[in-house]
Amino acid sequence: MNLLTNEEIKDNTQTQHPPENGAGFSFETKIVRRIDEISAADWESLYPQVLEGYRFFKALDDSNLQQFSLYYIMVYQDGKPAGATSCFLFQF
């Protein structure tokens, strides 16, 4: 398992995971520092009608909390949203 450092996690980091031997699915992973770098429609297609949705994370980003470093990860399968998560680093 490779862990990324803060220097390696850049806005709009994208990694292609092509199918092996030309078979299977193609995955793309997108790691960003702000939720607005991900389409609201893509995020909400995976998490419709949840309390901590796209607008919640947008409000967190806009608050500029100094003790948190927020990250958002989207996974696309053949160009369509397949998975998403939020994560954060807490400085104390």
C-alpha atoms as a PDB file:
ATOM      1  CA  MET A   1       0.000   0.000   0.000  1.00  0.00           C
ATOM      2  CA  ASN A   2       1.454   3.325  -1.074  1.00  0.00           C
ATOM      3  CA  LEU A   3       0.610   6.313   1.108  1.00  0.00           C
ATOM      4  CA  LEU A   4       0.813   9.759  -0.468  1.00  0.00           C
ATOM      5  CA  THR A   5       2.432  12.734   1.188  1.00  0.00           C
ATOM      6  CA  ASN A   6       0.844  16.186   1.140  1.00  0.00           C
ATOM      7  CA  GLU A   7       3.331  17.157  -1.571  1.00  0.00           C
ATOM      8  CA  GLU A   8       2.178  14.269  -3.745  1.00  0.00           C
ATOM      9  CA  ILE A   9      -1.505  15.103  -3.336  1.00  0.00           C
ATOM     10  CA  LYS A  10      -2.004  18.002  -5.710  1.00  0.00           C
ATOM     11  CA  ASP A  11      -5.264  19.589  -6.784  1.00  0.00           C
ATOM     12  CA  ASN A  12      -6.797  17.582  -9.602  1.00  0.00           C
ATOM     13  CA  THR A  13      -4.509  14.568  -9.211  1.00  0.00           C
ATOM     14  CA  GLN A  14      -5.698  11.946 -11.660  1.00  0.00           C
ATOM     15  CA  THR A  15      -4.518   8.371 -12.040  1.00  0.00           C
ATOM     16  CA  GLN A  16      -5.581   6.055 -14.837  1.00  0.00           C
ATOM     17  CA  HIS A  17      -6.059   2.373 -14.061  1.00  0.00           C
ATOM     18  CA  PRO A  18      -6.521   0.723 -17.453  1.00  0.00           C
ATOM     19  CA  PRO A  19      -7.848  -2.815 -17.633  1.00  0.00           C
ATOM     20  CA  GLU A  20      -5.244  -5.556 -17.705  1.00  0.00           C
ATOM     21  CA  ASN A  21      -4.835  -7.366 -21.024  1.00  0.00           C
ATOM     22  CA  GLY A  22      -7.561  -5.210 -22.580  1.00  0.00           C
ATOM     23  CA  ALA A  23     -10.320  -6.901 -20.577  1.00  0.00           C
ATOM     24  CA  GLY A  24     -12.493  -5.555 -17.782  1.00  0.00           C
ATOM     25  CA  PHE A  25     -13.189  -1.973 -16.745  1.00  0.00           C
ATOM     26  CA  SER A  26     -11.181   1.219 -16.857  1.00  0.00           C
ATOM     27  CA  PHE A  27     -10.976   3.206 -13.606  1.00  0.00           C
ATOM     28  CA  GLU A  28      -9.898   6.774 -13.000  1.00  0.00           C
ATOM     29  CA  THR A  29      -9.220   8.163  -9.531  1.00  0.00           C
ATOM     30  CA  LYS A  30      -9.466  11.891  -8.913  1.00  0.00           C
ATOM     31  CA  ILE A  31      -8.146  13.416  -5.671  1.00  0.00           C
ATOM     32  CA  VAL A  32      -8.895  17.080  -5.029  1.00  0.00           C
ATOM     33  CA  ARG A  33      -8.640  19.539  -2.148  1.00  0.00           C
ATOM     34  CA  ARG A  34     -11.999  21.278  -2.738  1.00  0.00           C
ATOM     35  CA  ILE A  35     -15.384  19.674  -3.417  1.00  0.00           C
ATOM     36  CA  ASP A  36     -16.170  22.249  -6.113  1.00  0.00           C
ATOM     37  CA  GLU A  37     -13.487  20.623  -8.277  1.00  0.00           C
ATOM     38  CA  ILE A  38     -15.878  17.677  -8.575  1.00  0.00           C
ATOM     39  CA  SER A  39     -19.173  17.966 -10.394  1.00  0.00           C
ATOM     40  CA  ALA A  40     -22.095  18.298  -7.979  1.00  0.00           C
ATOM     41  CA  ALA A  41     -24.104  16.025 -10.275  1.00  0.00           C
ATOM     42  CA  ASP A  42     -21.400  13.325 -10.088  1.00  0.00           C
ATOM     43  CA  TRP A  43     -21.201  13.495  -6.264  1.00  0.00           C
ATOM     44  CA  GLU A  44     -24.968  13.584  -5.782  1.00  0.00           C
ATOM     45  CA  SER A  45     -25.489  10.664  -8.181  1.00  0.00           C
ATOM     46  CA  LEU A  46     -23.679   8.540  -5.587  1.00  0.00           C
ATOM     47  CA  TYR A  47     -25.076  10.248  -2.467  1.00  0.00           C
ATOM     48  CA  PRO A  48     -28.578  11.514  -3.216  1.00  0.00           C
ATOM     49  CA  GLN A  49     -30.469  13.178  -0.391  1.00  0.00           C
ATOM     50  CA  VAL A  50     -27.952  12.789   2.431  1.00  0.00           C
ATOM     51  CA  LEU A  51     -27.476  15.320   5.225  1.00  0.00           C
ATOM     52  CA  GLU A  52     -23.716  15.569   4.729  1.00  0.00           C
ATOM     53  CA  GLY A  53     -23.925  16.065   0.975  1.00  0.00           C
ATOM     54  CA  TYR A  54     -22.199  18.237  -1.585  1.00  0.00           C
ATOM     55  CA  ARG A  55     -23.435  21.541  -0.089  1.00  0.00           C
ATOM     56  CA  PHE A  56     -22.289  20.476   3.402  1.00  0.00           C
ATOM     57  CA  PHE A  57     -18.745  19.843   2.153  1.00  0.00           C
ATOM     58  CA  LYS A  58     -18.803  23.066   0.131  1.00  0.00           C
ATOM     59  CA  ALA A  59     -19.646  24.962   3.336  1.00  0.00           C
ATOM     60  CA  LEU A  60     -16.747  23.243   5.124  1.00  0.00           C
ATOM     61  CA  ASP A  61     -14.366  24.204   2.323  1.00  0.00           C
ATOM     62  CA  ASP A  62     -15.597  27.800   2.341  1.00  0.00           C
ATOM     63  CA  SER A  63     -15.116  28.061   6.120  1.00  0.00           C
ATOM     64  CA  ASN A  64     -11.313  27.729   5.722  1.00  0.00           C
ATOM     65  CA  LEU A  65     -10.859  25.766   8.930  1.00  0.00           C
ATOM     66  CA  GLN A  66      -7.133  25.972   9.661  1.00  0.00           C
ATOM     67  CA  GLN A  67      -6.841  22.753  11.664  1.00  0.00           C
ATOM     68  CA  PHE A  68      -8.337  20.552   8.913  1.00  0.00           C
ATOM     69  CA  SER A  69      -6.979  19.598   5.504  1.00  0.00           C
ATOM     70  CA  LEU A  70      -9.929  18.270   3.519  1.00  0.00           C
ATOM     71  CA  TYR A  71      -9.628  15.895   0.551  1.00  0.00           C
ATOM     72  CA  TYR A  72     -12.192  14.389  -1.788  1.00  0.00           C
ATOM     73  CA  ILE A  73     -11.725  11.238  -3.812  1.00  0.00           C
ATOM     74  CA  MET A  74     -13.855  10.295  -6.820  1.00  0.00           C
ATOM     75  CA  VAL A  75     -13.592   7.020  -8.687  1.00  0.00           C
ATOM     76  CA  TYR A  76     -14.936   6.797 -12.215  1.00  0.00           C
ATOM     77  CA  GLN A  77     -15.563   3.504 -13.969  1.00  0.00           C
ATOM     78  CA  ASP A  78     -15.576   3.847 -17.731  1.00  0.00           C
ATOM     79  CA  GLY A  79     -16.119   7.591 -17.290  1.00  0.00           C
ATOM     80  CA  LYS A  80     -19.109   7.284 -14.937  1.00  0.00           C
ATOM     81  CA  PRO A  81     -19.123   7.943 -11.153  1.00  0.00           C
ATOM     82  CA  ALA A  82     -18.537   4.664  -9.321  1.00  0.00           C
ATOM     83  CA  GLY A  83     -17.424   5.726  -5.839  1.00  0.00           C
ATOM     84  CA  ALA A  84     -16.621   8.763  -3.734  1.00  0.00           C
ATOM     85  CA  THR A  85     -15.435   9.630  -0.271  1.00  0.00           C
ATOM     86  CA  SER A  86     -14.282  12.561   1.781  1.00  0.00           C
ATOM     87  CA  CYS A  87     -11.376  12.479   4.181  1.00  0.00           C
ATOM     88  CA  PHE A  88      -9.388  14.908   6.247  1.00  0.00           C
ATOM     89  CA  LEU A  89      -6.165  15.398   8.139  1.00  0.00           C
ATOM     90  CA  PHE A  90      -6.485  17.027  11.542  1.00  0.00           C
ATOM     91  CA  GLN A  91      -3.645  19.183  12.905  1.00  0.00           C
ATOM     92  CA  PHE A  92      -3.403  19.249  16.693  1.00  0.00           C
END
